[in-house]
Amino acid sequence: MENIGKVIMNYDYYSGTDLYSDGDVEDTLLEIVKTHDKRDFPSIIAESKSWPVLYHLSEVRTNILNWYPFEKNASVLEVGAGCGAITGAIADKVAKVTAIDLSKRRSLINAYRNQDKDNLEIMVGNFNDIAAGISEQYDYVTLIGVLEYGECYIPGENSYQVFLEKIRGLLKSNGKVLIAIENQLGLKYFAGCREDHVGRYFEGIEGYTNTSGVRTFSKKAITNLLLESGYDNVQFYYPYPDYKLPTTIYTDDFLPAKGELSNNARNFDGDRMVLFDETKAWDTVLEAGLFPEFSNSFFIAATKRE
C-alpha cells in the first residue's frame, strides 16, 4: 500500500511485472501527469501531435459517461482503468471508486492525474485474482473498452459470457454494468477504417476469422450475450463518432437528423481508406431506420437479474 496524494494504491495482487503496455510513451505520460496540472493537457496534446497522448489525456474521453445519472452515494468498480482517462470523472459523481488495472505504470499515471480524489483506491493486478479476493459488491461496474478482451481475462469456451457472469457476481442487487465498446458492424468499418484492435480491414465484418483473444459484437449479439449472462433491462446509447472521443451521445429517443453525422474522416490511430461518402451513407441509414445497427460504437447499461 502507498498513497499518492489522496489516492490509495493497493499492490496486494501485483505480480511485480507489467504484462500490458503501450511502450515508452507511458513514461512520457507519467512525467506529464507528475509535472503538469490537468489544465495544461490541451496544450500538451496540441504540441505533441501524438495519438497516445491525445487518447490518454484528452478530456473528451470523459464524454462517454460524464452525463450518466450515477447515484451520488454509489460505489463503482472500474475494470481496466488504464491511465485513468475517465476515473476522475467517475470519482466526481459517486461516493467511492475502486479501479483495477494490470499495469503498475498505468496505475501510477492514473493516481498522479487524480491525486486530489479522496474516494479513489487503485488495485494493481490481475482481474481474476482481485475478483476472487474481494467480498465487496458494487452499485456499478464499468467496462469501458474492456469487454472485447474478455477472452484474455477468461480463456476457454464461452469466455465472454463467463466474464460477464463474474462481473455480475460483483454487483449489488439491481446493480448495473456499464459497457463501452465498438460495434462489430459499425459503418466506419464498411467505409474503410481498420478494425480498431487488430488493425486489419473488414476483420470484424468478416467474423474475426483471422483473430483470437479480442472481438466486438453487433447490437443483436451483445444483447443476447448480456441476457444469457444474467442481465435485464439492456439499454443502448450511441456515441458519435465513436466511444473513444465522443462528441454526441444519441439514444433511441433522440436519434441524429439527416446531414448531422458529418464528422467521419478522422482516424487518429492509423491509416484508413475512404470508400464512400459516409455522411451521405449515414443519411441513407437514417432513412432506413437502421442507425442503431450501424452506429460505430455502443454505450450499454444493463441491470443484474435477480
Protein backbone atom coordinates (compact mmCIF):
# COMPACT_ATOMS: atom_id res chain seq x y z
CA MET A 1 0.00 0.00 0.00
CA GLU A 2 1.03 3.58 -0.61
CA ASN A 3 -0.66 6.93 -1.02
CA ILE A 4 -0.19 9.24 -3.96
CA GLY A 5 -1.84 12.44 -2.85
CA LYS A 6 -5.20 11.29 -1.52
CA VAL A 7 -5.32 8.16 -3.70
CA ILE A 8 -4.76 4.72 -2.15
CA MET A 9 -2.52 2.42 -4.20
CA ASN A 10 -3.12 -1.26 -3.41
CA TYR A 11 -0.39 -3.68 -4.56
CA ASP A 12 -1.67 -6.78 -2.73
CA TYR A 13 -2.36 -8.56 -6.03
CA TYR A 14 0.51 -7.17 -8.11
CA SER A 15 2.84 -9.79 -9.58
CA GLY A 16 5.76 -7.38 -9.89
CA THR A 17 5.67 -7.29 -13.69
CA ASP A 18 3.58 -5.15 -16.03
CA LEU A 19 2.19 -7.56 -18.63
CA TYR A 20 0.44 -4.92 -20.73
CA SER A 21 1.93 -1.69 -22.02
CA ASP A 22 1.73 0.88 -24.80
CA GLY A 23 5.51 1.18 -24.61
CA ASP A 24 7.79 4.09 -23.81
CA VAL A 25 5.02 6.64 -24.31
CA GLU A 26 3.76 5.60 -20.88
CA ASP A 27 6.95 7.01 -19.33
CA THR A 28 6.19 10.26 -21.15
CA LEU A 29 2.63 10.23 -19.85
CA LEU A 30 3.79 9.57 -16.29
CA GLU A 31 6.19 12.51 -16.45
CA ILE A 32 3.42 14.75 -17.83
CA VAL A 33 0.95 13.94 -15.07
CA LYS A 34 3.63 14.27 -12.38
CA THR A 35 4.75 17.71 -13.52
CA HIS A 36 1.67 19.36 -15.06
CA ASP A 37 -1.80 20.37 -14.00
CA LYS A 38 -4.74 18.96 -15.96
CA ARG A 39 -5.35 22.44 -17.33
CA ASP A 40 -2.07 22.09 -19.25
CA PHE A 41 -3.17 18.91 -21.02
CA PRO A 42 -4.85 20.55 -24.06
CA SER A 43 -1.71 22.49 -24.99
CA ILE A 44 0.47 19.42 -24.39
CA ILE A 45 -1.80 17.36 -26.66
CA ALA A 46 -1.63 20.03 -29.38
CA GLU A 47 2.15 20.27 -29.22
CA SER A 48 2.83 16.53 -29.07
CA LYS A 49 0.79 15.57 -32.18
CA SER A 50 0.77 12.06 -30.69
CA TRP A 51 -2.23 9.72 -30.80
CA PRO A 52 -1.37 8.00 -27.47
CA VAL A 53 -1.02 11.38 -25.73
CA LEU A 54 -4.34 12.54 -27.20
CA TYR A 55 -6.06 9.26 -26.39
CA HIS A 56 -4.91 9.03 -22.78
CA LEU A 57 -5.08 12.71 -21.78
CA SER A 58 -7.98 14.22 -23.73
CA GLU A 59 -10.88 15.46 -21.63
CA VAL A 60 -13.18 14.41 -24.49
CA ARG A 61 -12.70 10.82 -23.32
CA THR A 62 -14.90 11.56 -20.29
CA ASN A 63 -17.89 12.37 -22.52
CA ILE A 64 -18.67 8.67 -22.66
CA LEU A 65 -20.18 8.78 -19.16
CA ASN A 66 -19.89 12.21 -17.57
CA TRP A 67 -23.60 12.62 -18.44
CA TYR A 68 -24.66 9.32 -16.87
CA PRO A 69 -27.01 9.70 -13.86
CA PHE A 70 -24.99 7.84 -11.24
CA GLU A 71 -26.44 7.72 -7.73
CA LYS A 72 -24.34 10.11 -5.63
CA ASN A 73 -23.85 7.65 -2.77
CA ALA A 74 -22.91 4.82 -5.13
CA SER A 75 -19.82 2.63 -5.26
CA VAL A 76 -18.19 1.90 -8.62
CA LEU A 77 -15.73 -0.78 -9.69
CA GLU A 78 -13.81 0.34 -12.78
CA VAL A 79 -12.30 -2.70 -14.51
CA GLY A 80 -9.39 -1.92 -16.83
CA ALA A 81 -8.91 1.65 -15.66
CA GLY A 82 -5.71 2.11 -17.66
CA CYS A 83 -4.18 5.57 -17.39
CA GLY A 84 -7.29 6.99 -15.72
CA ALA A 85 -8.87 8.82 -18.64
CA ILE A 86 -12.33 8.51 -17.08
CA THR A 87 -11.53 7.54 -13.49
CA GLY A 88 -11.61 11.11 -12.22
CA ALA A 89 -14.92 11.82 -13.95
CA ILE A 90 -16.47 8.84 -12.17
CA ALA A 91 -14.97 9.84 -8.82
CA ASP A 92 -16.51 13.30 -9.18
CA LYS A 93 -20.00 11.76 -9.39
CA VAL A 94 -20.08 8.96 -6.80
CA ALA A 95 -19.07 8.20 -3.22
CA LYS A 96 -16.41 5.56 -3.87
CA VAL A 97 -14.38 4.27 -6.83
CA THR A 98 -12.25 1.14 -6.88
CA ALA A 99 -10.15 1.00 -10.06
CA ILE A 100 -8.43 -2.18 -11.27
CA ASP A 101 -5.59 -2.38 -13.76
CA LEU A 102 -2.94 -4.96 -14.60
CA SER A 103 -0.18 -2.37 -15.04
CA LYS A 104 1.55 -0.57 -12.17
CA ARG A 105 2.90 2.12 -14.51
CA ARG A 106 -0.55 2.85 -15.92
CA SER A 107 -2.00 2.87 -12.42
CA LEU A 108 0.62 5.40 -11.33
CA ILE A 109 -0.39 7.65 -14.24
CA ASN A 110 -3.99 7.32 -13.06
CA ALA A 111 -3.05 8.10 -9.46
CA TYR A 112 -0.94 11.18 -10.20
CA ARG A 113 -3.53 12.73 -12.52
CA ASN A 114 -6.28 12.10 -9.94
CA GLN A 115 -4.31 12.57 -6.72
CA ASP A 116 -6.88 15.03 -5.38
CA LYS A 117 -9.57 12.29 -5.19
CA ASP A 118 -10.04 11.07 -1.64
CA ASN A 119 -12.64 8.48 -2.72
CA LEU A 120 -10.35 6.51 -5.08
CA GLU A 121 -8.48 3.26 -4.49
CA ILE A 122 -6.45 1.72 -7.33
CA MET A 123 -5.84 -2.02 -7.16
CA VAL A 124 -2.96 -3.23 -9.33
CA GLY A 125 -3.09 -6.82 -10.52
CA ASN A 126 -4.90 -9.49 -12.48
CA PHE A 127 -8.66 -9.03 -12.51
CA ASN A 128 -9.34 -12.70 -11.74
CA ASP A 129 -7.11 -12.64 -8.67
CA ILE A 130 -8.65 -9.43 -7.39
CA ALA A 131 -12.23 -10.56 -8.09
CA ALA A 132 -11.61 -13.77 -6.17
CA GLY A 133 -10.11 -11.90 -3.24
CA ILE A 134 -12.67 -9.17 -2.62
CA SER A 135 -16.04 -9.73 -0.96
CA GLU A 136 -17.46 -6.29 -1.63
CA GLN A 137 -20.26 -5.74 -4.14
CA TYR A 138 -20.78 -2.53 -6.11
CA ASP A 139 -23.63 -0.45 -7.43
CA TYR A 140 -21.93 -0.19 -10.82
CA VAL A 141 -19.15 -1.98 -12.67
CA THR A 142 -17.72 -0.20 -15.70
CA LEU A 143 -16.16 -1.96 -18.69
CA ILE A 144 -15.00 0.89 -20.90
CA GLY A 145 -13.05 -0.64 -23.77
CA VAL A 146 -12.70 -3.87 -21.77
CA LEU A 147 -15.38 -6.41 -22.72
CA GLU A 148 -13.80 -7.01 -26.14
CA TYR A 149 -10.80 -8.52 -24.31
CA GLY A 150 -12.98 -10.97 -22.35
CA GLU A 151 -11.18 -13.97 -23.83
CA CYS A 152 -7.92 -12.62 -22.39
CA TYR A 153 -9.47 -12.26 -18.94
CA ILE A 154 -11.24 -15.64 -19.04
CA PRO A 155 -9.64 -18.10 -21.51
CA GLY A 156 -11.67 -21.05 -22.76
CA GLU A 157 -15.16 -21.69 -24.06
CA ASN A 158 -17.89 -19.07 -23.61
CA SER A 159 -15.26 -16.71 -22.22
CA TYR A 160 -17.29 -13.54 -22.78
CA GLN A 161 -20.33 -14.97 -21.03
CA VAL A 162 -18.23 -16.29 -18.14
CA PHE A 163 -16.56 -12.88 -17.84
CA LEU A 164 -19.91 -11.08 -17.67
CA GLU A 165 -21.21 -13.61 -15.16
CA LYS A 166 -18.16 -12.92 -12.98
CA ILE A 167 -18.88 -9.18 -13.26
CA ARG A 168 -22.49 -9.90 -12.29
CA GLY A 169 -21.25 -11.51 -9.07
CA LEU A 170 -19.52 -8.25 -8.14
CA LEU A 171 -22.75 -6.24 -8.40
CA LYS A 172 -25.24 -5.49 -5.66
CA SER A 173 -28.89 -6.35 -6.13
CA ASN A 174 -30.16 -4.28 -9.08
CA GLY A 175 -26.60 -3.13 -9.78
CA LYS A 176 -25.64 -2.15 -13.32
CA VAL A 177 -22.82 -2.98 -15.68
CA LEU A 178 -21.84 -0.07 -17.94
CA ILE A 179 -20.12 -1.06 -21.17
CA ALA A 180 -18.48 0.98 -23.94
CA ILE A 181 -17.42 -0.98 -27.00
CA GLU A 182 -17.09 -0.66 -30.75
CA ASN A 183 -19.87 -2.11 -32.92
CA GLN A 184 -18.68 -5.07 -34.98
CA LEU A 185 -20.87 -3.73 -37.80
CA GLY A 186 -20.02 -0.04 -37.37
CA LEU A 187 -20.42 1.91 -40.61
CA LYS A 188 -16.84 3.18 -40.43
CA TYR A 189 -15.55 -0.37 -40.98
CA PHE A 190 -17.54 -0.70 -44.22
CA ALA A 191 -16.28 2.75 -45.27
CA GLY A 192 -12.59 1.84 -44.97
CA CYS A 193 -11.43 2.07 -41.34
CA ARG A 194 -9.31 -0.76 -40.00
CA GLU A 195 -10.69 -2.85 -37.16
CA ASP A 196 -9.58 -0.96 -34.04
CA HIS A 197 -7.95 -3.83 -32.15
CA VAL A 198 -6.18 -5.86 -34.84
CA GLY A 199 -5.56 -3.18 -37.47
CA ARG A 200 -6.95 -5.16 -40.39
CA TYR A 201 -9.56 -4.04 -42.89
CA PHE A 202 -13.00 -5.71 -42.63
CA GLU A 203 -11.84 -8.17 -39.94
CA GLY A 204 -14.90 -7.70 -37.73
CA ILE A 205 -17.31 -7.59 -40.66
CA GLU A 206 -15.88 -10.90 -41.88
CA GLY A 207 -16.38 -12.52 -38.47
CA TYR A 208 -12.86 -12.30 -36.97
CA THR A 209 -11.74 -15.34 -38.98
CA ASN A 210 -8.08 -14.35 -38.52
CA THR A 211 -8.31 -13.20 -34.90
CA SER A 212 -8.28 -14.71 -31.43
CA GLY A 213 -8.32 -13.08 -27.99
CA VAL A 214 -10.31 -9.97 -28.91
CA ARG A 215 -13.57 -9.24 -30.68
CA THR A 216 -16.54 -6.88 -30.75
CA PHE A 217 -20.23 -7.60 -31.29
CA SER A 218 -23.27 -6.49 -33.25
CA LYS A 219 -26.18 -4.96 -31.36
CA LYS A 220 -28.17 -8.20 -31.51
CA ALA A 221 -25.19 -10.33 -30.46
CA ILE A 222 -24.25 -8.24 -27.44
CA THR A 223 -27.90 -8.00 -26.35
CA ASN A 224 -28.18 -11.79 -26.42
CA LEU A 225 -24.84 -12.15 -24.63
CA LEU A 226 -25.99 -9.91 -21.79
CA LEU A 227 -29.35 -11.66 -21.45
CA GLU A 228 -27.64 -15.07 -21.39
CA SER A 229 -25.16 -13.78 -18.77
CA GLY A 230 -27.85 -12.83 -16.25
CA TYR A 231 -28.76 -9.23 -17.09
CA ASP A 232 -32.04 -7.50 -17.93
CA ASN A 233 -33.16 -4.02 -18.97
CA VAL A 234 -30.43 -3.67 -21.61
CA GLN A 235 -30.34 -0.01 -22.65
CA PHE A 236 -28.35 1.22 -25.64
CA TYR A 237 -26.79 4.62 -26.27
CA TYR A 238 -24.88 5.57 -29.41
CA PRO A 239 -21.66 7.61 -29.03
CA TYR A 240 -20.65 9.54 -32.15
CA PRO A 241 -18.29 9.39 -33.91
CA ASP A 242 -17.24 6.60 -31.50
CA TYR A 243 -16.93 5.94 -27.77
CA LYS A 244 -13.23 6.85 -27.55
CA LEU A 245 -13.63 10.56 -28.37
CA PRO A 246 -17.40 11.10 -28.45
CA THR A 247 -18.87 14.49 -29.18
CA THR A 248 -22.53 13.38 -29.06
CA ILE A 249 -24.41 10.58 -27.32
CA TYR A 250 -27.59 9.58 -29.15
CA THR A 251 -30.42 7.42 -27.81
CA ASP A 252 -33.34 5.55 -29.32
CA ASP A 253 -35.49 8.52 -28.26
CA PHE A 254 -33.05 11.09 -29.72
CA LEU A 255 -31.59 9.89 -32.99
CA PRO A 256 -29.46 12.01 -35.35
CA ALA A 257 -31.08 14.16 -38.00
CA LYS A 258 -30.29 13.93 -41.70
CA GLY A 259 -27.00 15.68 -42.50
CA GLU A 260 -25.92 15.73 -38.86
CA LEU A 261 -23.35 12.91 -38.99
CA SER A 262 -20.57 14.72 -40.82
CA ASN A 263 -17.54 14.14 -38.55
CA ASN A 264 -16.37 10.93 -40.19
CA ALA A 265 -12.93 11.41 -41.71
CA ARG A 266 -10.77 11.31 -38.60
CA ASN A 267 -8.96 8.09 -37.72
CA PHE A 268 -6.13 9.24 -35.49
CA ASP A 269 -4.53 5.91 -34.67
CA GLY A 270 -3.91 4.61 -38.19
CA ASP A 271 -4.33 4.99 -41.91
CA ARG A 272 -7.69 4.30 -43.50
CA MET A 273 -9.31 4.06 -46.88
CA VAL A 274 -12.23 6.26 -47.89
CA LEU A 275 -14.52 4.02 -49.91
CA PHE A 276 -17.61 6.23 -49.94
CA ASP A 277 -19.06 9.45 -48.52
CA GLU A 278 -20.05 8.45 -45.00
CA THR A 279 -22.27 11.48 -44.43
CA LYS A 280 -24.42 10.53 -47.43
CA ALA A 281 -24.38 6.89 -46.38
CA TRP A 282 -25.48 7.85 -42.85
CA ASP A 283 -28.44 9.71 -44.34
CA THR A 284 -29.47 6.55 -46.17
CA VAL A 285 -29.06 4.52 -42.99
CA LEU A 286 -31.15 7.05 -41.05
CA GLU A 287 -33.92 6.98 -43.64
CA ALA A 288 -33.99 3.19 -43.35
CA GLY A 289 -34.25 3.39 -39.55
CA LEU A 290 -31.03 1.41 -39.09
CA PHE A 291 -28.79 3.86 -37.22
CA PRO A 292 -28.74 1.71 -34.03
CA GLU A 293 -27.49 -1.27 -36.06
CA PHE A 294 -24.64 0.62 -37.74
CA SER A 295 -23.57 3.05 -35.00
CA ASN A 296 -19.78 2.94 -34.76
CA SER A 297 -19.88 2.31 -31.01
CA PHE A 298 -22.26 1.43 -28.21
CA PHE A 299 -22.62 2.55 -24.61
CA ILE A 300 -24.74 0.00 -22.79
CA ALA A 301 -26.31 -0.10 -19.34
CA ALA A 302 -27.67 -3.46 -18.17
CA THR A 303 -29.14 -4.43 -14.80
CA LYS A 304 -28.24 -7.52 -12.77
CA ARG A 305 -31.08 -10.03 -12.95
CA GLU A 306 -32.22 -11.33 -9.58
